[in-house]
Amino acid sequence: MAETEKAVREAMHGLKSLEKSCGKYDDWSVNVTMEMLEKHIPKKPIKARVYYTKTFCPCCDTVVEYKTQASYYCDMCGQRLDWEE
């Protein structure tokens, strides 16, 4: 996962330098692309303090459950999740 995060951060750095030379329309495109890239950096799900059987997406607070390979992403916002303890 560290390699993926490094690649995403490098792409984001390149986009930030590109953003300085773009017009307003392209600034919007760069911002949307940056948001999409940030979703690929894994974040730990948040464990509920009251209901220890539930976990939530750190970005949109949707209940997420670890079931299969598909559970590596939030169904609502697409945030990549890191289930490692």
C-alpha atoms as a PDB file:
ATOM      1  CA  MET A   1       0.000   0.000   0.000  1.00  0.00           C
ATOM      2  CA  ALA A   2       2.903   2.351   0.595  1.00  0.00           C
ATOM      3  CA  GLU A   3       3.768   2.259  -3.109  1.00  0.00           C
ATOM      4  CA  THR A   4       0.220   3.224  -4.077  1.00  0.00           C
ATOM      5  CA  GLU A   5       0.181   6.099  -1.618  1.00  0.00           C
ATOM      6  CA  LYS A   6       3.563   7.318  -2.897  1.00  0.00           C
ATOM      7  CA  ALA A   7       2.368   7.205  -6.514  1.00  0.00           C
ATOM      8  CA  VAL A   8      -0.834   9.084  -5.646  1.00  0.00           C
ATOM      9  CA  ARG A   9       1.088  11.761  -3.748  1.00  0.00           C
ATOM     10  CA  GLU A  10       3.497  12.196  -6.687  1.00  0.00           C
ATOM     11  CA  ALA A  11       0.564  12.580  -9.086  1.00  0.00           C
ATOM     12  CA  MET A  12      -1.032  15.134  -6.754  1.00  0.00           C
ATOM     13  CA  HIS A  13       2.233  17.096  -6.597  1.00  0.00           C
ATOM     14  CA  GLY A  14       2.355  17.172 -10.395  1.00  0.00           C
ATOM     15  CA  LEU A  15      -1.246  18.380 -10.555  1.00  0.00           C
ATOM     16  CA  LYS A  16      -0.548  21.164  -8.062  1.00  0.00           C
ATOM     17  CA  SER A  17       2.238  22.503 -10.250  1.00  0.00           C
ATOM     18  CA  LEU A  18       0.006  22.186 -13.328  1.00  0.00           C
ATOM     19  CA  GLU A  19      -2.799  24.062 -11.532  1.00  0.00           C
ATOM     20  CA  LYS A  20      -0.673  27.229 -11.381  1.00  0.00           C
ATOM     21  CA  SER A  21      -0.537  27.481 -15.172  1.00  0.00           C
ATOM     22  CA  CYS A  22      -4.200  26.615 -15.932  1.00  0.00           C
ATOM     23  CA  GLY A  23      -7.256  28.773 -16.453  1.00  0.00           C
ATOM     24  CA  LYS A  24     -10.374  28.685 -14.277  1.00  0.00           C
ATOM     25  CA  TYR A  25     -11.997  25.781 -16.121  1.00  0.00           C
ATOM     26  CA  ASP A  26      -8.853  23.721 -15.824  1.00  0.00           C
ATOM     27  CA  ASP A  27      -8.521  24.649 -12.134  1.00  0.00           C
ATOM     28  CA  TRP A  28     -11.890  22.992 -11.546  1.00  0.00           C
ATOM     29  CA  SER A  29     -10.748  19.886 -13.439  1.00  0.00           C
ATOM     30  CA  VAL A  30      -7.539  19.739 -11.440  1.00  0.00           C
ATOM     31  CA  ASN A  31      -9.431  20.087  -8.138  1.00  0.00           C
ATOM     32  CA  VAL A  32     -11.843  17.278  -9.028  1.00  0.00           C
ATOM     33  CA  THR A  33      -8.935  15.071 -10.086  1.00  0.00           C
ATOM     34  CA  MET A  34      -7.121  15.838  -6.815  1.00  0.00           C
ATOM     35  CA  GLU A  35     -10.207  14.829  -4.807  1.00  0.00           C
ATOM     36  CA  MET A  36     -10.423  11.575  -6.738  1.00  0.00           C
ATOM     37  CA  LEU A  37      -6.740  10.830  -6.188  1.00  0.00           C
ATOM     38  CA  GLU A  38      -7.042  11.525  -2.447  1.00  0.00           C
ATOM     39  CA  LYS A  39      -9.744   8.840  -2.219  1.00  0.00           C
ATOM     40  CA  HIS A  40      -7.141   6.252  -3.276  1.00  0.00           C
ATOM     41  CA  ILE A  41      -5.012   6.907  -0.196  1.00  0.00           C
ATOM     42  CA  PRO A  42      -6.275   4.308   2.319  1.00  0.00           C
ATOM     43  CA  LYS A  43      -7.801   5.597   5.558  1.00  0.00           C
ATOM     44  CA  LYS A  44      -8.754   3.587   8.604  1.00  0.00           C
ATOM     45  CA  PRO A  45     -12.493   3.079   9.194  1.00  0.00           C
ATOM     46  CA  ILE A  46     -13.808   4.653  12.386  1.00  0.00           C
ATOM     47  CA  LYS A  47     -15.028   2.206  15.032  1.00  0.00           C
ATOM     48  CA  ALA A  48     -18.212   3.240  16.812  1.00  0.00           C
ATOM     49  CA  ARG A  49     -17.791   3.863  20.511  1.00  0.00           C
ATOM     50  CA  VAL A  50     -21.261   2.612  21.419  1.00  0.00           C
ATOM     51  CA  TYR A  51     -21.736  -0.162  18.869  1.00  0.00           C
ATOM     52  CA  TYR A  52     -18.433  -1.949  18.536  1.00  0.00           C
ATOM     53  CA  THR A  53     -19.785  -4.067  15.699  1.00  0.00           C
ATOM     54  CA  LYS A  54     -20.152  -1.053  13.402  1.00  0.00           C
ATOM     55  CA  THR A  55     -17.486   0.907  11.616  1.00  0.00           C
ATOM     56  CA  PHE A  56     -17.850   4.108   9.618  1.00  0.00           C
ATOM     57  CA  CYS A  57     -16.148   5.654   6.608  1.00  0.00           C
ATOM     58  CA  PRO A  58     -13.725   8.378   7.765  1.00  0.00           C
ATOM     59  CA  CYS A  59     -14.879  10.703   4.961  1.00  0.00           C
ATOM     60  CA  CYS A  60     -18.663  10.433   4.752  1.00  0.00           C
ATOM     61  CA  ASP A  61     -19.627   8.626   8.012  1.00  0.00           C
ATOM     62  CA  THR A  62     -21.469   5.848   6.147  1.00  0.00           C
ATOM     63  CA  VAL A  63     -21.577   2.484   7.924  1.00  0.00           C
ATOM     64  CA  VAL A  64     -19.071   0.142   6.256  1.00  0.00           C
ATOM     65  CA  GLU A  65     -18.515  -3.551   6.853  1.00  0.00           C
ATOM     66  CA  TYR A  66     -15.588  -5.759   5.977  1.00  0.00           C
ATOM     67  CA  LYS A  67     -17.013  -8.578   3.867  1.00  0.00           C
ATOM     68  CA  THR A  68     -15.029  -9.124   0.703  1.00  0.00           C
ATOM     69  CA  GLN A  69     -12.403  -7.555  -1.526  1.00  0.00           C
ATOM     70  CA  ALA A  70     -15.069  -4.997  -2.537  1.00  0.00           C
ATOM     71  CA  SER A  71     -15.037  -3.708   1.044  1.00  0.00           C
ATOM     72  CA  TYR A  72     -11.746  -1.973   0.380  1.00  0.00           C
ATOM     73  CA  TYR A  73     -13.767   1.051  -0.801  1.00  0.00           C
ATOM     74  CA  CYS A  74     -16.737   2.906   0.719  1.00  0.00           C
ATOM     75  CA  ASP A  75     -19.906   2.291  -1.302  1.00  0.00           C
ATOM     76  CA  MET A  76     -21.082   5.885  -0.878  1.00  0.00           C
ATOM     77  CA  CYS A  77     -18.032   8.094  -1.481  1.00  0.00           C
ATOM     78  CA  GLY A  78     -15.423   5.708  -2.897  1.00  0.00           C
ATOM     79  CA  GLN A  79     -12.828   6.292  -0.164  1.00  0.00           C
ATOM     80  CA  ARG A  80     -10.275   3.475  -0.038  1.00  0.00           C
ATOM     81  CA  LEU A  81     -10.298   1.793   3.382  1.00  0.00           C
ATOM     82  CA  ASP A  82      -7.418   0.276   5.330  1.00  0.00           C
ATOM     83  CA  TRP A  83      -8.713  -2.627   7.439  1.00  0.00           C
ATOM     84  CA  GLU A  84      -5.310  -3.631   8.838  1.00  0.00           C
ATOM     85  CA  GLU A  85      -5.064  -3.439  12.614  1.00  0.00           C
END
